[in-house]
Amino acid sequence: MESWTPSDSLRKHMLSVEAAMRAYAGHFGADIERWGLAGLLHDFDYERFPNATRESNAEHPAEGARELRRLGYPEDILEAILGHADYTGVPRVTPMAKTLFAVDELCGLITACALVRPSRSVNDLESSSVKKKMKDKAFARGVSREDVVQGASELGQELDAHIAFVITAMRACAQALGLDGGTK
């Protein structure tokens, strides 16, 4: 992941998604390590192959999935990674795939919300603040609000509870994410 991802902010995003995936794996009684790995690796190819044209079988996440397959990673992880991008056409049928889609954009939104707080911390962030920021289309405009809502729905979670769950997961690694209010 680190050799393909020079950006500190993208690395932190992948760590936040890993944390959310691990928390949901525990919640669902699934394999925490396997789900965490899917979260950690889901965007590792994004900087090399950004896929601005959103081609289904080129660039991100298809190139990353090909590399991971070459390295022998399990197919369920690859399926989840491919499914986190709607444009690939890969259906999200497993709980792991549904969860990865559900937490990806939300982790980005939560990070943005925490960084504009006076505390610059996720530790005092509440789901109501995230929902309020979701309504401001100019805020974190790269985050798909539709994906956040769709992800919670596909996961069978009420949006407020889903947001609160992911915030709690991110709090567990707030320092590593740079979201504990400390200085860099």
Protein backbone atom coordinates (compact mmCIF):
# COMPACT_ATOMS: atom_id res chain seq x y z
CA MET A 1 0.00 0.00 0.00
CA GLU A 2 2.71 2.47 0.95
CA SER A 3 4.85 1.79 -2.14
CA TRP A 4 1.88 2.60 -4.41
CA THR A 5 0.45 5.46 -2.33
CA PRO A 6 2.73 8.44 -1.68
CA SER A 7 -0.06 10.73 -0.45
CA ASP A 8 -0.38 10.91 3.31
CA SER A 9 -4.03 11.94 3.06
CA LEU A 10 -4.93 8.93 0.89
CA ARG A 11 -3.04 6.63 3.24
CA LYS A 12 -5.01 8.03 6.16
CA HIS A 13 -8.23 7.58 4.22
CA MET A 14 -7.40 3.91 3.66
CA LEU A 15 -6.57 3.53 7.37
CA SER A 16 -9.94 5.06 8.30
CA VAL A 17 -11.76 2.69 5.94
CA GLU A 18 -9.77 -0.20 7.42
CA ALA A 19 -10.88 0.83 10.92
CA ALA A 20 -14.52 1.02 9.87
CA MET A 21 -14.30 -2.34 8.10
CA ARG A 22 -12.73 -3.99 11.14
CA ALA A 23 -15.43 -2.56 13.39
CA TYR A 24 -18.22 -3.77 11.14
CA ALA A 25 -16.58 -7.19 10.79
CA GLY A 26 -16.66 -7.48 14.57
CA HIS A 27 -20.27 -6.29 14.61
CA PHE A 28 -21.30 -8.88 12.00
CA GLY A 29 -19.13 -11.69 13.41
CA ALA A 30 -16.98 -11.78 10.28
CA ASP A 31 -13.22 -12.15 9.76
CA ILE A 32 -11.78 -8.89 11.13
CA GLU A 33 -8.38 -9.29 9.47
CA ARG A 34 -9.83 -10.09 6.05
CA TRP A 35 -12.32 -7.21 6.14
CA GLY A 36 -9.63 -4.85 7.43
CA LEU A 37 -7.39 -5.83 4.55
CA ALA A 38 -10.13 -5.02 2.03
CA GLY A 39 -10.50 -1.58 3.62
CA LEU A 40 -6.78 -0.93 3.76
CA LEU A 41 -6.16 -1.87 0.13
CA HIS A 42 -9.32 -0.57 -1.57
CA ASP A 43 -7.69 2.61 -2.97
CA PHE A 44 -4.00 1.66 -3.08
CA ASP A 45 -3.93 2.03 -6.90
CA TYR A 46 -5.85 5.32 -7.01
CA GLU A 47 -2.87 7.66 -7.39
CA ARG A 48 -1.21 5.58 -10.13
CA PHE A 49 -4.46 4.93 -12.00
CA PRO A 50 -7.00 7.63 -11.02
CA ASN A 51 -9.60 6.65 -13.68
CA ALA A 52 -11.07 10.07 -14.43
CA THR A 53 -13.11 8.52 -17.24
CA ARG A 54 -14.57 5.88 -14.90
CA GLU A 55 -13.89 3.00 -17.25
CA SER A 56 -15.12 -0.29 -15.84
CA ASN A 57 -12.05 -2.39 -16.57
CA ALA A 58 -9.23 0.15 -16.69
CA GLU A 59 -7.32 2.07 -14.08
CA HIS A 60 -8.71 2.29 -10.50
CA PRO A 61 -9.84 -0.13 -9.05
CA ALA A 62 -9.34 -2.65 -11.89
CA GLU A 63 -5.55 -2.24 -12.04
CA GLY A 64 -5.26 -2.68 -8.29
CA ALA A 65 -7.43 -5.79 -8.39
CA ARG A 66 -5.24 -7.25 -11.14
CA GLU A 67 -2.11 -6.60 -9.07
CA LEU A 68 -3.67 -8.09 -5.93
CA ARG A 69 -4.83 -11.15 -7.90
CA ARG A 70 -1.30 -11.58 -9.24
CA LEU A 71 -0.05 -11.50 -5.65
CA GLY A 72 -2.56 -14.16 -4.60
CA TYR A 73 -5.10 -12.14 -2.61
CA PRO A 74 -8.48 -13.83 -2.06
CA GLU A 75 -11.24 -13.26 -4.60
CA ASP A 76 -13.75 -12.02 -2.00
CA ILE A 77 -11.43 -9.13 -1.16
CA LEU A 78 -10.97 -8.34 -4.87
CA GLU A 79 -14.73 -8.47 -5.43
CA ALA A 80 -15.31 -6.03 -2.57
CA ILE A 81 -12.63 -3.67 -3.89
CA LEU A 82 -14.06 -3.77 -7.41
CA GLY A 83 -17.61 -3.33 -6.11
CA HIS A 84 -16.80 -0.19 -4.13
CA ALA A 85 -16.80 1.70 -7.45
CA ASP A 86 -20.26 1.60 -9.04
CA TYR A 87 -18.84 2.13 -12.52
CA THR A 88 -17.12 -1.26 -12.52
CA GLY A 89 -20.49 -3.00 -12.73
CA VAL A 90 -19.37 -5.54 -10.12
CA PRO A 91 -22.39 -6.24 -7.90
CA ARG A 92 -22.05 -5.97 -4.16
CA VAL A 93 -23.47 -9.27 -2.96
CA THR A 94 -21.35 -10.14 0.06
CA PRO A 95 -21.57 -8.36 3.42
CA MET A 96 -17.89 -7.38 3.00
CA ALA A 97 -18.55 -5.73 -0.37
CA LYS A 98 -21.65 -3.92 0.87
CA THR A 99 -19.77 -2.67 3.91
CA LEU A 100 -16.78 -1.40 1.94
CA PHE A 101 -19.09 0.63 -0.28
CA ALA A 102 -21.01 1.88 2.76
CA VAL A 103 -17.98 3.15 4.67
CA ASP A 104 -15.72 4.47 1.90
CA GLU A 105 -17.33 7.83 1.12
CA LEU A 106 -18.56 8.20 4.69
CA CYS A 107 -15.01 7.98 6.07
CA GLY A 108 -14.02 10.82 3.75
CA LEU A 109 -16.95 12.93 4.88
CA ILE A 110 -16.28 12.27 8.56
CA THR A 111 -12.63 13.21 8.09
CA ALA A 112 -13.60 16.48 6.41
CA CYS A 113 -16.09 17.25 9.17
CA ALA A 114 -13.51 16.60 11.89
CA LEU A 115 -10.87 18.76 10.20
CA VAL A 116 -13.10 21.87 10.11
CA ARG A 117 -13.95 21.63 13.80
CA PRO A 118 -12.05 23.92 16.16
CA SER A 119 -10.70 20.79 17.88
CA ARG A 120 -9.66 19.19 14.54
CA SER A 121 -10.75 15.95 16.18
CA VAL A 122 -13.15 13.11 15.51
CA ASN A 123 -13.39 12.58 19.28
CA ASP A 124 -16.01 15.30 19.76
CA LEU A 125 -17.78 14.84 16.41
CA GLU A 126 -21.40 13.69 16.47
CA SER A 127 -23.47 12.16 13.69
CA SER A 128 -25.83 15.17 13.72
CA SER A 129 -22.91 17.41 12.70
CA VAL A 130 -22.03 15.09 9.84
CA LYS A 131 -25.64 15.01 8.63
CA LYS A 132 -25.78 18.80 8.76
CA LYS A 133 -22.59 19.07 6.66
CA MET A 134 -24.03 16.55 4.18
CA LYS A 135 -26.67 19.12 3.28
CA ASP A 136 -24.00 21.68 2.31
CA LYS A 137 -23.14 20.64 -1.25
CA ALA A 138 -20.12 22.98 -1.31
CA PHE A 139 -18.57 21.21 1.68
CA ALA A 140 -16.35 18.24 0.78
CA ARG A 141 -17.86 18.32 -2.69
CA GLY A 142 -15.85 15.28 -3.80
CA VAL A 143 -17.86 13.10 -1.40
CA SER A 144 -20.93 11.51 -2.97
CA ARG A 145 -23.83 12.06 -0.61
CA GLU A 146 -25.84 9.62 -2.71
CA ASP A 147 -23.24 6.90 -2.07
CA VAL A 148 -23.32 7.59 1.67
CA VAL A 149 -27.11 7.20 1.78
CA GLN A 150 -27.15 4.25 -0.65
CA GLY A 151 -24.39 2.51 1.29
CA ALA A 152 -26.27 2.69 4.58
CA SER A 153 -29.39 1.41 2.83
CA GLU A 154 -27.57 -1.51 1.15
CA LEU A 155 -26.07 -2.39 4.51
CA GLY A 156 -29.49 -2.31 6.15
CA GLN A 157 -28.46 0.40 8.60
CA GLU A 158 -30.29 3.56 9.55
CA LEU A 159 -28.17 6.52 8.41
CA ASP A 160 -27.70 8.16 11.83
CA ALA A 161 -26.67 4.87 13.42
CA HIS A 162 -24.33 4.10 10.52
CA ILE A 163 -22.63 7.48 10.80
CA ALA A 164 -22.27 7.12 14.57
CA PHE A 165 -20.84 3.60 14.19
CA VAL A 166 -18.18 4.75 11.72
CA ILE A 167 -17.29 7.79 13.86
CA THR A 168 -16.74 5.45 16.81
CA ALA A 169 -14.55 3.18 14.67
CA MET A 170 -12.46 6.14 13.55
CA ARG A 171 -12.08 7.39 17.13
CA ALA A 172 -10.24 4.17 17.95
CA CYS A 173 -7.39 5.22 15.65
CA ALA A 174 -7.84 9.00 15.73
CA GLN A 175 -4.17 9.70 16.40
CA ALA A 176 -2.97 7.64 13.40
CA LEU A 177 -5.55 9.41 11.24
CA GLY A 178 -4.42 12.85 12.43
CA LEU A 179 -7.90 13.42 13.83
CA ASP A 180 -7.16 13.57 17.55
CA GLY A 181 -6.71 17.32 17.72
CA GLY A 182 -2.93 17.07 18.05
CA THR A 183 -0.44 18.75 15.78
CA LYS A 184 1.12 17.01 12.81
